[in-house]
Amino acid sequence: MPIDKGNLTRVAAFSLLELIIVLVLVSILAISLSGLTRDSVSSYIDAKDRSRLSQSSKWIIEKISREVREALPQSVRVGSTSGYYCLEFMAIVSASSYLNLAETGSISQFNAVNYNLLSTNASF
């Protein structure tokens, strides 16, 4: 049956070539955006890990400084071996507070608070 060209209405449609060009362009755009997204996600994960480590180190430093600050005199020692420094807490069996301690010269006698509940002063 012959087609009458005068009665055909113009139909707006995409040709196969146009569809292939659009698919190629969209694929190139998707590939480039996936690389950008991958980099952004890995940067976010790295920043989150660094923040977590930073918070942990702040907590550890605060705990160590509190322990050193509250330590008894002569119970903390800092040593150095081969360029490495070490902070050492020594065990204390008993402790007391000095009542009168000479500020100069050698110490041969002093009074300290006795933690025995039966007596109030002990002389050493």
PDB file of N, CA and C in Angstrom:
ATOM      1  N   MET A   1       0.832  -1.157   0.000  1.00  0.00           N
ATOM      2  CA  MET A   1       0.000   0.000   0.000  1.00  0.00           C
ATOM      3  C   MET A   1       0.887   1.233   0.000  1.00  0.00           C
ATOM      4  N   PRO A   2       0.671   2.099  -0.882  1.00  0.00           N
ATOM      5  CA  PRO A   2       1.508   3.293  -0.976  1.00  0.00           C
ATOM      6  C   PRO A   2       1.202   4.261   0.158  1.00  0.00           C
ATOM      7  N   ILE A   3       2.249   4.956   0.598  1.00  0.00           N
ATOM      8  CA  ILE A   3       2.116   5.917   1.692  1.00  0.00           C
ATOM      9  C   ILE A   3       2.008   7.301   1.094  1.00  0.00           C
ATOM     10  N   ASP A   4       1.021   7.980   1.548  1.00  0.00           N
ATOM     11  CA  ASP A   4       0.816   9.356   1.097  1.00  0.00           C
ATOM     12  C   ASP A   4       1.619  10.265   2.014  1.00  0.00           C
ATOM     13  N   LYS A   5       2.612  10.935   1.472  1.00  0.00           N
ATOM     14  CA  LYS A   5       3.486  11.777   2.281  1.00  0.00           C
ATOM     15  C   LYS A   5       2.773  13.015   2.782  1.00  0.00           C
ATOM     16  N   GLY A   6       1.751  13.405   2.183  1.00  0.00           N
ATOM     17  CA  GLY A   6       1.046  14.597   2.604  1.00  0.00           C
ATOM     18  C   GLY A   6       0.225  14.388   3.857  1.00  0.00           C
ATOM     19  N   ASN A   7      -0.204  13.170   4.148  1.00  0.00           N
ATOM     20  CA  ASN A   7      -1.028  12.895   5.313  1.00  0.00           C
ATOM     21  C   ASN A   7      -0.217  12.476   6.541  1.00  0.00           C
ATOM     22  N   LEU A   8       1.088  12.267   6.380  1.00  0.00           N
ATOM     23  CA  LEU A   8       1.905  11.857   7.530  1.00  0.00           C
ATOM     24  C   LEU A   8       2.118  13.034   8.464  1.00  0.00           C
ATOM     25  N   THR A   9       1.897  12.803   9.719  1.00  0.00           N
ATOM     26  CA  THR A   9       2.204  13.836  10.707  1.00  0.00           C
ATOM     27  C   THR A   9       3.615  13.593  11.215  1.00  0.00           C
ATOM     28  N   ARG A  10       4.265  14.640  11.514  1.00  0.00           N
ATOM     29  CA  ARG A  10       5.656  14.537  11.974  1.00  0.00           C
ATOM     30  C   ARG A  10       5.650  14.064  13.424  1.00  0.00           C
ATOM     31  N   VAL A  11       6.296  12.955  13.699  1.00  0.00           N
ATOM     32  CA  VAL A  11       6.368  12.396  15.040  1.00  0.00           C
ATOM     33  C   VAL A  11       7.753  12.731  15.606  1.00  0.00           C
ATOM     34  N   ALA A  12       7.746  13.327  16.810  1.00  0.00           N
ATOM     35  CA  ALA A  12       9.018  13.663  17.447  1.00  0.00           C
ATOM     36  C   ALA A  12       9.539  12.411  18.138  1.00  0.00           C
ATOM     37  N   ALA A  13      10.680  11.947  17.737  1.00  0.00           N
ATOM     38  CA  ALA A  13      11.273  10.743  18.319  1.00  0.00           C
ATOM     39  C   ALA A  13      12.783  10.841  18.194  1.00  0.00           C
ATOM     40  N   PHE A  14      13.467   9.978  18.968  1.00  0.00           N
ATOM     41  CA  PHE A  14      14.920   9.922  18.923  1.00  0.00           C
ATOM     42  C   PHE A  14      15.328   8.836  17.945  1.00  0.00           C
ATOM     43  N   SER A  15      16.391   9.117  17.265  1.00  0.00           N
ATOM     44  CA  SER A  15      16.919   8.084  16.375  1.00  0.00           C
ATOM     45  C   SER A  15      17.845   7.176  17.181  1.00  0.00           C
ATOM     46  N   LEU A  16      18.174   6.059  16.660  1.00  0.00           N
ATOM     47  CA  LEU A  16      19.048   5.105  17.334  1.00  0.00           C
ATOM     48  C   LEU A  16      20.428   5.708  17.585  1.00  0.00           C
ATOM     49  N   LEU A  17      20.921   6.496  16.663  1.00  0.00           N
ATOM     50  CA  LEU A  17      22.219   7.138  16.818  1.00  0.00           C
ATOM     51  C   LEU A  17      22.211   8.123  17.988  1.00  0.00           C
ATOM     52  N   GLU A  18      21.138   8.881  18.106  1.00  0.00           N
ATOM     53  CA  GLU A  18      21.038   9.839  19.225  1.00  0.00           C
ATOM     54  C   GLU A  18      20.988   9.106  20.562  1.00  0.00           C
ATOM     55  N   LEU A  19      20.261   8.010  20.628  1.00  0.00           N
ATOM     56  CA  LEU A  19      20.197   7.236  21.874  1.00  0.00           C
ATOM     57  C   LEU A  19      21.562   6.669  22.254  1.00  0.00           C
ATOM     58  N   ILE A  20      22.311   6.191  21.278  1.00  0.00           N
ATOM     59  CA  ILE A  20      23.642   5.644  21.562  1.00  0.00           C
ATOM     60  C   ILE A  20      24.577   6.742  22.047  1.00  0.00           C
ATOM     61  N   ILE A  21      24.517   7.930  21.441  1.00  0.00           N
ATOM     62  CA  ILE A  21      25.362   9.059  21.866  1.00  0.00           C
ATOM     63  C   ILE A  21      25.015   9.462  23.295  1.00  0.00           C
ATOM     64  N   VAL A  22      23.730   9.527  23.640  1.00  0.00           N
ATOM     65  CA  VAL A  22      23.319   9.890  25.000  1.00  0.00           C
ATOM     66  C   VAL A  22      23.791   8.831  25.989  1.00  0.00           C
ATOM     67  N   LEU A  23      23.653   7.564  25.647  1.00  0.00           N
ATOM     68  CA  LEU A  23      24.118   6.499  26.551  1.00  0.00           C
ATOM     69  C   LEU A  23      25.620   6.582  26.787  1.00  0.00           C
ATOM     70  N   VAL A  24      26.387   6.857  25.764  1.00  0.00           N
ATOM     71  CA  VAL A  24      27.843   6.985  25.918  1.00  0.00           C
ATOM     72  C   VAL A  24      28.180   8.171  26.807  1.00  0.00           C
ATOM     73  N   LEU A  25      27.522   9.310  26.578  1.00  0.00           N
ATOM     74  CA  LEU A  25      27.790  10.503  27.401  1.00  0.00           C
ATOM     75  C   LEU A  25      27.398  10.283  28.860  1.00  0.00           C
ATOM     76  N   VAL A  26      26.241   9.668  29.084  1.00  0.00           N
ATOM     77  CA  VAL A  26      25.807   9.387  30.461  1.00  0.00           C
ATOM     78  C   VAL A  26      26.761   8.400  31.123  1.00  0.00           C
ATOM     79  N   SER A  27      27.247   7.426  30.395  1.00  0.00           N
ATOM     80  CA  SER A  27      28.202   6.462  30.957  1.00  0.00           C
ATOM     81  C   SER A  27      29.502   7.150  31.351  1.00  0.00           C
ATOM     82  N   ILE A  28      30.009   8.031  30.501  1.00  0.00           N
ATOM     83  CA  ILE A  28      31.240   8.767  30.815  1.00  0.00           C
ATOM     84  C   ILE A  28      31.031   9.640  32.051  1.00  0.00           C
ATOM     85  N   LEU A  29      29.883  10.295  32.134  1.00  0.00           N
ATOM     86  CA  LEU A  29      29.573  11.132  33.293  1.00  0.00           C
ATOM     87  C   LEU A  29      29.465  10.293  34.561  1.00  0.00           C
ATOM     88  N   ALA A  30      28.830   9.139  34.488  1.00  0.00           N
ATOM     89  CA  ALA A  30      28.680   8.269  35.657  1.00  0.00           C
ATOM     90  C   ALA A  30      30.024   7.746  36.131  1.00  0.00           C
ATOM     91  N   ILE A  31      30.887   7.378  35.198  1.00  0.00           N
ATOM     92  CA  ILE A  31      32.210   6.872  35.574  1.00  0.00           C
ATOM     93  C   ILE A  31      33.027   7.972  36.266  1.00  0.00           C
ATOM     94  N   SER A  32      32.975   9.182  35.736  1.00  0.00           N
ATOM     95  CA  SER A  32      33.747  10.270  36.356  1.00  0.00           C
ATOM     96  C   SER A  32      33.175  10.643  37.722  1.00  0.00           C
ATOM     97  N   LEU A  33      31.859  10.620  37.879  1.00  0.00           N
ATOM     98  CA  LEU A  33      31.261  10.941  39.181  1.00  0.00           C
ATOM     99  C   LEU A  33      31.477   9.829  40.198  1.00  0.00           C
ATOM    100  N   SER A  34      31.566   8.582  39.738  1.00  0.00           N
ATOM    101  CA  SER A  34      31.820   7.495  40.686  1.00  0.00           C
ATOM    102  C   SER A  34      33.212   7.621  41.293  1.00  0.00           C
ATOM    103  N   GLY A  35      34.190   8.052  40.503  1.00  0.00           N
ATOM    104  CA  GLY A  35      35.535   8.279  41.047  1.00  0.00           C
ATOM    105  C   GLY A  35      35.538   9.402  42.069  1.00  0.00           C
ATOM    106  N   LEU A  36      34.802  10.460  41.780  1.00  0.00           N
ATOM    107  CA  LEU A  36      34.701  11.576  42.719  1.00  0.00           C
ATOM    108  C   LEU A  36      33.999  11.141  44.000  1.00  0.00           C
ATOM    109  N   THR A  37      32.943  10.371  43.872  1.00  0.00           N
ATOM    110  CA  THR A  37      32.218   9.884  45.042  1.00  0.00           C
ATOM    111  C   THR A  37      33.089   8.948  45.868  1.00  0.00           C
ATOM    112  N   ARG A  38      33.835   8.075  45.197  1.00  0.00           N
ATOM    113  CA  ARG A  38      34.721   7.145  45.906  1.00  0.00           C
ATOM    114  C   ARG A  38      35.768   7.911  46.705  1.00  0.00           C
ATOM    115  N   ASP A  39      36.357   8.946  46.103  1.00  0.00           N
ATOM    116  CA  ASP A  39      37.354   9.755  46.800  1.00  0.00           C
ATOM    117  C   ASP A  39      36.737  10.487  47.987  1.00  0.00           C
ATOM    118  N   SER A  40      35.528  11.000  47.809  1.00  0.00           N
ATOM    119  CA  SER A  40      34.859  11.711  48.900  1.00  0.00           C
ATOM    120  C   SER A  40      34.548  10.784  50.058  1.00  0.00           C
ATOM    121  N   VAL A  41      34.072   9.590  49.769  1.00  0.00           N
ATOM    122  CA  VAL A  41      33.749   8.627  50.821  1.00  0.00           C
ATOM    123  C   VAL A  41      35.012   8.190  51.555  1.00  0.00           C
ATOM    124  N   SER A  42      36.081   7.918  50.821  1.00  0.00           N
ATOM    125  CA  SER A  42      37.321   7.507  51.497  1.00  0.00           C
ATOM    126  C   SER A  42      37.906   8.647  52.328  1.00  0.00           C
ATOM    127  N   SER A  43      37.761   9.888  51.875  1.00  0.00           N
ATOM    128  CA  SER A  43      38.218  11.040  52.667  1.00  0.00           C
ATOM    129  C   SER A  43      37.402  11.169  53.943  1.00  0.00           C
ATOM    130  N   TYR A  44      36.105  10.949  53.855  1.00  0.00           N
ATOM    131  CA  TYR A  44      35.247  11.009  55.041  1.00  0.00           C
ATOM    132  C   TYR A  44      35.632   9.928  56.045  1.00  0.00           C
ATOM    133  N   ILE A  45      35.873   8.714  55.563  1.00  0.00           N
ATOM    134  CA  ILE A  45      36.246   7.617  56.461  1.00  0.00           C
ATOM    135  C   ILE A  45      37.597   7.903  57.115  1.00  0.00           C
ATOM    136  N   ASP A  46      38.560   8.423  56.362  1.00  0.00           N
ATOM    137  CA  ASP A  46      39.867   8.777  56.927  1.00  0.00           C
ATOM    138  C   ASP A  46      39.737   9.859  57.992  1.00  0.00           C
ATOM    139  N   ALA A  47      38.929  10.876  57.718  1.00  0.00           N
ATOM    140  CA  ALA A  47      38.743  11.961  58.689  1.00  0.00           C
ATOM    141  C   ALA A  47      38.066  11.445  59.953  1.00  0.00           C
ATOM    142  N   LYS A  48      37.108  10.548  59.795  1.00  0.00           N
ATOM    143  CA  LYS A  48      36.428   9.976  60.962  1.00  0.00           C
ATOM    144  C   LYS A  48      37.407   9.154  61.798  1.00  0.00           C
ATOM    145  N   ASP A  49      38.259   8.366  61.144  1.00  0.00           N
ATOM    146  CA  ASP A  49      39.253   7.561  61.867  1.00  0.00           C
ATOM    147  C   ASP A  49      40.260   8.448  62.593  1.00  0.00           C
ATOM    148  N   ARG A  50      40.712   9.519  61.922  1.00  0.00           N
ATOM    149  CA  ARG A  50      41.658  10.445  62.569  1.00  0.00           C
ATOM    150  C   ARG A  50      41.022  11.117  63.772  1.00  0.00           C
ATOM    151  N   SER A  51      39.766  11.502  63.661  1.00  0.00           N
ATOM    152  CA  SER A  51      39.066  12.139  64.780  1.00  0.00           C
ATOM    153  C   SER A  51      38.945  11.179  65.953  1.00  0.00           C
ATOM    154  N   ARG A  52      38.614   9.913  65.667  1.00  0.00           N
ATOM    155  CA  ARG A  52      38.494   8.918  66.730  1.00  0.00           C
ATOM    156  C   ARG A  52      39.843   8.697  67.423  1.00  0.00           C
ATOM    157  N   LEU A  53      40.912   8.602  66.644  1.00  0.00           N
ATOM    158  CA  LEU A  53      42.242   8.426  67.234  1.00  0.00           C
ATOM    159  C   LEU A  53      42.661   9.644  68.043  1.00  0.00           C
ATOM    160  N   SER A  54      42.319  10.825  67.551  1.00  0.00           N
ATOM    161  CA  SER A  54      42.646  12.056  68.266  1.00  0.00           C
ATOM    162  C   SER A  54      41.922  12.112  69.609  1.00  0.00           C
ATOM    163  N   GLN A  55      40.651  11.744  69.619  1.00  0.00           N
ATOM    164  CA  GLN A  55      39.903  11.744  70.874  1.00  0.00           C
ATOM    165  C   GLN A  55      40.470  10.713  71.843  1.00  0.00           C
ATOM    166  N   SER A  56      40.858   9.549  71.335  1.00  0.00           N
ATOM    167  CA  SER A  56      41.451   8.523  72.198  1.00  0.00           C
ATOM    168  C   SER A  56      42.765   9.007  72.794  1.00  0.00           C
ATOM    169  N   SER A  57      43.600   9.645  71.975  1.00  0.00           N
ATOM    170  CA  SER A  57      44.886  10.121  72.490  1.00  0.00           C
ATOM    171  C   SER A  57      44.682  11.242  73.497  1.00  0.00           C
ATOM    172  N   LYS A  58      43.706  12.123  73.284  1.00  0.00           N
ATOM    173  CA  LYS A  58      43.431  13.173  74.268  1.00  0.00           C
ATOM    174  C   LYS A  58      43.006  12.558  75.599  1.00  0.00           C
ATOM    175  N   TRP A  59      42.179  11.511  75.537  1.00  0.00           N
ATOM    176  CA  TRP A  59      41.720  10.863  76.756  1.00  0.00           C
ATOM    177  C   TRP A  59      42.884  10.193  77.488  1.00  0.00           C
ATOM    178  N   ILE A  60      43.777   9.552  76.745  1.00  0.00           N
ATOM    179  CA  ILE A  60      44.926   8.879  77.359  1.00  0.00           C
ATOM    180  C   ILE A  60      45.877   9.896  77.985  1.00  0.00           C
ATOM    181  N   ILE A  61      46.157  10.985  77.272  1.00  0.00           N
ATOM    182  CA  ILE A  61      47.044  12.020  77.814  1.00  0.00           C
ATOM    183  C   ILE A  61      46.442  12.641  79.068  1.00  0.00           C
ATOM    184  N   GLU A  62      45.137  12.884  79.071  1.00  0.00           N
ATOM    185  CA  GLU A  62      44.479  13.439  80.258  1.00  0.00           C
ATOM    186  C   GLU A  62      44.567  12.473  81.425  1.00  0.00           C
ATOM    187  N   LYS A  63      44.385  11.190  81.167  1.00  0.00           N
ATOM    188  CA  LYS A  63      44.467  10.195  82.241  1.00  0.00           C
ATOM    189  C   LYS A  63      45.884  10.116  82.813  1.00  0.00           C
ATOM    190  N   ILE A  64      46.900  10.108  81.947  1.00  0.00           N
ATOM    191  CA  ILE A  64      48.285  10.048  82.428  1.00  0.00           C
ATOM    192  C   ILE A  64      48.629  11.303  83.224  1.00  0.00           C
ATOM    193  N   SER A  65      48.225  12.480  82.730  1.00  0.00           N
ATOM    194  CA  SER A  65      48.545  13.712  83.457  1.00  0.00           C
ATOM    195  C   SER A  65      47.837  13.747  84.809  1.00  0.00           C
ATOM    196  N   ARG A  66      46.622  13.211  84.892  1.00  0.00           N
ATOM    197  CA  ARG A  66      45.915  13.154  86.181  1.00  0.00           C
ATOM    198  C   ARG A  66      46.631  12.217  87.141  1.00  0.00           C
ATOM    199  N   GLU A  67      47.088  11.069  86.626  1.00  0.00           N
ATOM    200  CA  GLU A  67      47.814  10.118  87.476  1.00  0.00           C
ATOM    201  C   GLU A  67      49.124  10.722  87.990  1.00  0.00           C
ATOM    202  N   VAL A  68      49.863  11.426  87.132  1.00  0.00           N
ATOM    203  CA  VAL A  68      51.124  12.043  87.547  1.00  0.00           C
ATOM    204  C   VAL A  68      50.856  13.158  88.547  1.00  0.00           C
ATOM    205  N   ARG A  69      49.825  13.936  88.295  1.00  0.00           N
ATOM    206  CA  ARG A  69      49.489  15.044  89.184  1.00  0.00           C
ATOM    207  C   ARG A  69      49.097  14.551  90.586  1.00  0.00           C
ATOM    208  N   GLU A  70      48.404  13.421  90.659  1.00  0.00           N
ATOM    209  CA  GLU A  70      47.934  12.905  91.946  1.00  0.00           C
ATOM    210  C   GLU A  70      48.895  11.898  92.571  1.00  0.00           C
ATOM    211  N   ALA A  71      50.026  11.639  91.941  1.00  0.00           N
ATOM    212  CA  ALA A  71      50.977  10.656  92.455  1.00  0.00           C
ATOM    213  C   ALA A  71      51.674  11.192  93.702  1.00  0.00           C
ATOM    214  N   LEU A  72      52.056  10.284  94.565  1.00  0.00           N
ATOM    215  CA  LEU A  72      52.798  10.652  95.773  1.00  0.00           C
ATOM    216  C   LEU A  72      54.219  11.062  95.398  1.00  0.00           C
ATOM    217  N   PRO A  73      54.835  11.933  96.194  1.00  0.00           N
ATOM    218  CA  PRO A  73      56.216  12.317  95.913  1.00  0.00           C
ATOM    219  C   PRO A  73      57.135  11.085  95.899  1.00  0.00           C
ATOM    220  N   GLN A  74      58.088  11.085  95.020  1.00  0.00           N
ATOM    221  CA  GLN A  74      59.080  10.020  94.851  1.00  0.00           C
ATOM    222  C   GLN A  74      58.469   8.693  94.391  1.00  0.00           C
ATOM    223  N   SER A  75      57.225   8.711  93.870  1.00  0.00           N
ATOM    224  CA  SER A  75      56.643   7.469  93.373  1.00  0.00           C
ATOM    225  C   SER A  75      56.613   7.424  91.846  1.00  0.00           C
ATOM    226  N   VAL A  76      57.092   8.497  91.205  1.00  0.00           N
ATOM    227  CA  VAL A  76      57.133   8.556  89.746  1.00  0.00           C
ATOM    228  C   VAL A  76      58.583   8.758  89.326  1.00  0.00           C
ATOM    229  N   ARG A  77      59.005   7.996  88.337  1.00  0.00           N
ATOM    230  CA  ARG A  77      60.382   8.089  87.879  1.00  0.00           C
ATOM    231  C   ARG A  77      60.386   8.085  86.354  1.00  0.00           C
ATOM    232  N   VAL A  78      61.254   8.924  85.778  1.00  0.00           N
ATOM    233  CA  VAL A  78      61.398   8.989  84.328  1.00  0.00           C
ATOM    234  C   VAL A  78      62.779   8.460  83.982  1.00  0.00           C
ATOM    235  N   GLY A  79      62.814   7.474  83.091  1.00  0.00           N
ATOM    236  CA  GLY A  79      64.079   6.888  82.697  1.00  0.00           C
ATOM    237  C   GLY A  79      64.277   7.013  81.198  1.00  0.00           C
ATOM    238  N   SER A  80      65.533   6.888  80.787  1.00  0.00           N
ATOM    239  CA  SER A  80      65.846   6.975  79.361  1.00  0.00           C
ATOM    240  C   SER A  80      66.808   5.858  79.004  1.00  0.00           C
ATOM    241  N   THR A  81      66.463   5.110  77.961  1.00  0.00           N
ATOM    242  CA  THR A  81      67.324   4.044  77.471  1.00  0.00           C
ATOM    243  C   THR A  81      67.349   4.107  75.955  1.00  0.00           C
ATOM    244  N   SER A  82      68.499   4.276  75.396  1.00  0.00           N
ATOM    245  CA  SER A  82      68.677   4.301  73.935  1.00  0.00           C
ATOM    246  C   SER A  82      67.778   5.318  73.255  1.00  0.00           C
ATOM    247  N   GLY A  83      67.581   6.449  73.886  1.00  0.00           N
ATOM    248  CA  GLY A  83      66.776   7.501  73.285  1.00  0.00           C
ATOM    249  C   GLY A  83      65.290   7.365  73.519  1.00  0.00           C
ATOM    250  N   TYR A  84      64.841   6.305  74.205  1.00  0.00           N
ATOM    251  CA  TYR A  84      63.431   6.121  74.521  1.00  0.00           C
ATOM    252  C   TYR A  84      63.198   6.535  75.966  1.00  0.00           C
ATOM    253  N   TYR A  85      62.157   7.310  76.197  1.00  0.00           N
ATOM    254  CA  TYR A  85      61.841   7.763  77.535  1.00  0.00           C
ATOM    255  C   TYR A  85      60.688   6.930  78.093  1.00  0.00           C
ATOM    256  N   CYS A  86      60.757   6.651  79.379  1.00  0.00           N
ATOM    257  CA  CYS A  86      59.762   5.812  80.027  1.00  0.00           C
ATOM    258  C   CYS A  86      59.317   6.471  81.325  1.00  0.00           C
ATOM    259  N   LEU A  87      58.029   6.512  81.552  1.00  0.00           N
ATOM    260  CA  LEU A  87      57.450   7.029  82.789  1.00  0.00           C
ATOM    261  C   LEU A  87      57.050   5.824  83.622  1.00  0.00           C
ATOM    262  N   GLU A  88      57.580   5.754  84.848  1.00  0.00           N
ATOM    263  CA  GLU A  88      57.349   4.582  85.686  1.00  0.00           C
ATOM    264  C   GLU A  88      56.706   4.998  87.001  1.00  0.00           C
ATOM    265  N   PHE A  89      55.621   4.324  87.345  1.00  0.00           N
ATOM    266  CA  PHE A  89      54.977   4.519  88.639  1.00  0.00           C
ATOM    267  C   PHE A  89      55.441   3.397  89.559  1.00  0.00           C
ATOM    268  N   MET A  90      56.051   3.753  90.693  1.00  0.00           N
ATOM    269  CA  MET A  90      56.542   2.748  91.624  1.00  0.00           C
ATOM    270  C   MET A  90      55.478   2.466  92.675  1.00  0.00           C
ATOM    271  N   ALA A  91      55.374   1.216  93.052  1.00  0.00           N
ATOM    272  CA  ALA A  91      54.381   0.818  94.053  1.00  0.00           C
ATOM    273  C   ALA A  91      54.730   1.423  95.412  1.00  0.00           C
ATOM    274  N   ILE A  92      53.743   1.913  96.087  1.00  0.00           N
ATOM    275  CA  ILE A  92      53.925   2.501  97.415  1.00  0.00           C
ATOM    276  C   ILE A  92      53.221   1.597  98.417  1.00  0.00           C
ATOM    277  N   VAL A  93      53.981   1.131  99.418  1.00  0.00           N
ATOM    278  CA  VAL A  93      53.404   0.248 100.427  1.00  0.00           C
ATOM    279  C   VAL A  93      52.613   1.063 101.433  1.00  0.00           C
ATOM    280  N   SER A  94      53.192   2.176 101.876  1.00  0.00           N
ATOM    281  CA  SER A  94      52.486   3.052 102.812  1.00  0.00           C
ATOM    282  C   SER A  94      52.971   4.472 102.578  1.00  0.00           C
ATOM    283  N   ALA A  95      52.194   5.420 103.032  1.00  0.00           N
ATOM    284  CA  ALA A  95      52.535   6.818 102.815  1.00  0.00           C
ATOM    285  C   ALA A  95      52.092   7.641 104.011  1.00  0.00           C
ATOM    286  N   SER A  96      52.599   8.846 104.073  1.00  0.00           N
ATOM    287  CA  SER A  96      52.264   9.729 105.172  1.00  0.00           C
ATOM    288  C   SER A  96      52.473  11.156 104.724  1.00  0.00           C
ATOM    289  N   SER A  97      52.113  12.102 105.555  1.00  0.00           N
ATOM    290  CA  SER A  97      52.367  13.518 105.299  1.00  0.00           C
ATOM    291  C   SER A  97      53.347  14.017 106.357  1.00  0.00           C
ATOM    292  N   TYR A  98      54.321  14.841 105.938  1.00  0.00           N
ATOM    293  CA  TYR A  98      55.311  15.361 106.863  1.00  0.00           C
ATOM    294  C   TYR A  98      54.705  16.492 107.687  1.00  0.00           C
ATOM    295  N   LEU A  99      55.036  16.496 108.981  1.00  0.00           N
ATOM    296  CA  LEU A  99      54.602  17.596 109.847  1.00  0.00           C
ATOM    297  C   LEU A  99      55.670  18.674 109.917  1.00  0.00           C
ATOM    298  N   ASN A 100      56.912  18.279 110.103  1.00  0.00           N
ATOM    299  CA  ASN A 100      58.027  19.226 110.106  1.00  0.00           C
ATOM    300  C   ASN A 100      59.220  18.572 109.434  1.00  0.00           C
ATOM    301  N   LEU A 101      59.666  19.171 108.379  1.00  0.00           N
ATOM    302  CA  LEU A 101      60.777  18.636 107.621  1.00  0.00           C
ATOM    303  C   LEU A 101      61.756  19.778 107.386  1.00  0.00           C
ATOM    304  N   ALA A 102      63.020  19.527 107.692  1.00  0.00           N
ATOM    305  CA  ALA A 102      64.026  20.572 107.539  1.00  0.00           C
ATOM    306  C   ALA A 102      64.148  20.961 106.070  1.00  0.00           C
ATOM    307  N   GLU A 103      64.219  22.270 105.807  1.00  0.00           N
ATOM    308  CA  GLU A 103      64.303  22.745 104.431  1.00  0.00           C
ATOM    309  C   GLU A 103      65.718  22.686 103.891  1.00  0.00           C
ATOM    310  N   THR A 104      66.724  22.760 104.770  1.00  0.00           N
ATOM    311  CA  THR A 104      68.111  22.720 104.325  1.00  0.00           C
ATOM    312  C   THR A 104      68.857  21.667 105.127  1.00  0.00           C
ATOM    313  N   GLY A 105      70.021  21.268 104.632  1.00  0.00           N
ATOM    314  CA  GLY A 105      70.853  20.312 105.347  1.00  0.00           C
ATOM    315  C   GLY A 105      70.348  18.898 105.179  1.00  0.00           C
ATOM    316  N   SER A 106      71.019  17.997 105.865  1.00  0.00           N
ATOM    317  CA  SER A 106      70.625  16.587 105.779  1.00  0.00           C
ATOM    318  C   SER A 106      69.460  16.335 106.732  1.00  0.00           C
ATOM    319  N   ILE A 107      68.619  15.427 106.365  1.00  0.00           N
ATOM    320  CA  ILE A 107      67.444  15.104 107.180  1.00  0.00           C
ATOM    321  C   ILE A 107      67.793  13.901 108.033  1.00  0.00           C
ATOM    322  N   SER A 108      67.839  14.116 109.339  1.00  0.00           N
ATOM    323  CA  SER A 108      68.142  13.019 110.250  1.00  0.00           C
ATOM    324  C   SER A 108      66.928  12.660 111.097  1.00  0.00           C
ATOM    325  N   GLN A 109      65.981  13.603 111.242  1.00  0.00           N
ATOM    326  CA  GLN A 109      64.796  13.316 112.043  1.00  0.00           C
ATOM    327  C   GLN A 109      63.649  14.182 111.525  1.00  0.00           C
ATOM    328  N   PHE A 110      62.464  13.616 111.503  1.00  0.00           N
ATOM    329  CA  PHE A 110      61.272  14.375 111.102  1.00  0.00           C
ATOM    330  C   PHE A 110      60.046  13.734 111.710  1.00  0.00           C
ATOM    331  N   ASN A 111      58.984  14.493 111.805  1.00  0.00           N
ATOM    332  CA  ASN A 111      57.707  13.995 112.298  1.00  0.00           C
ATOM    333  C   ASN A 111      56.753  13.838 111.114  1.00  0.00           C
ATOM    334  N   ALA A 112      56.013  12.756 111.142  1.00  0.00           N
ATOM    335  CA  ALA A 112      55.057  12.497 110.071  1.00  0.00           C
ATOM    336  C   ALA A 112      53.751  12.012 110.669  1.00  0.00           C
ATOM    337  N   VAL A 113      52.692  12.193 109.920  1.00  0.00           N
ATOM    338  CA  VAL A 113      51.385  11.720 110.368  1.00  0.00           C
ATOM    339  C   VAL A 113      51.376  10.202 110.266  1.00  0.00           C
ATOM    340  N   ASN A 114      50.968   9.545 111.342  1.00  0.00           N
ATOM    341  CA  ASN A 114      50.888   8.090 111.360  1.00  0.00           C
ATOM    342  C   ASN A 114      49.464   7.692 110.991  1.00  0.00           C
ATOM    343  N   TYR A 115      49.341   6.744 110.141  1.00  0.00           N
ATOM    344  CA  TYR A 115      48.014   6.311 109.755  1.00  0.00           C
ATOM    345  C   TYR A 115      47.461   5.240 110.692  1.00  0.00           C
ATOM    346  N   ASN A 116      48.177   4.970 111.759  1.00  0.00           N
ATOM    347  CA  ASN A 116      47.673   4.076 112.786  1.00  0.00           C
ATOM    348  C   ASN A 116      46.633   4.844 113.599  1.00  0.00           C
ATOM    349  N   LEU A 117      45.456   4.289 113.768  1.00  0.00           N
ATOM    350  CA  LEU A 117      44.377   5.012 114.448  1.00  0.00           C
ATOM    351  C   LEU A 117      44.614   5.160 115.944  1.00  0.00           C
ATOM    352  N   LEU A 118      45.552   4.383 116.531  1.00  0.00           N
ATOM    353  CA  LEU A 118      45.778   4.434 117.962  1.00  0.00           C
ATOM    354  C   LEU A 118      46.696   5.562 118.377  1.00  0.00           C
ATOM    355  N   SER A 119      47.615   5.997 117.526  1.00  0.00           N
ATOM    356  CA  SER A 119      48.495   7.110 117.873  1.00  0.00           C
ATOM    357  C   SER A 119      48.359   8.213 116.843  1.00  0.00           C
ATOM    358  N   THR A 120      48.686   9.455 117.251  1.00  0.00           N
ATOM    359  CA  THR A 120      48.485  10.581 116.352  1.00  0.00           C
ATOM    360  C   THR A 120      49.768  11.000 115.681  1.00  0.00           C
ATOM    361  N   ASN A 121      50.936  10.887 116.331  1.00  0.00           N
ATOM    362  CA  ASN A 121      52.219  11.279 115.749  1.00  0.00           C
ATOM    363  C   ASN A 121      53.194  10.130 115.823  1.00  0.00           C
ATOM    364  N   ALA A 122      54.042  10.053 114.862  1.00  0.00           N
ATOM    365  CA  ALA A 122      55.111   9.056 114.890  1.00  0.00           C
ATOM    366  C   ALA A 122      56.403   9.793 114.589  1.00  0.00           C
ATOM    367  N   SER A 123      57.437   9.456 115.337  1.00  0.00           N
ATOM    368  CA  SER A 123      58.740  10.075 115.119  1.00  0.00           C
ATOM    369  C   SER A 123      59.645   9.044 114.483  1.00  0.00           C
ATOM    370  N   PHE A 124      60.375   9.456 113.457  1.00  0.00           N
ATOM    371  CA  PHE A 124      61.255   8.540 112.749  1.00  0.00           C
ATOM    372  C   PHE A 124      62.684   8.983 112.903  1.00  0.00           C
TER     373      PHE A 124
END
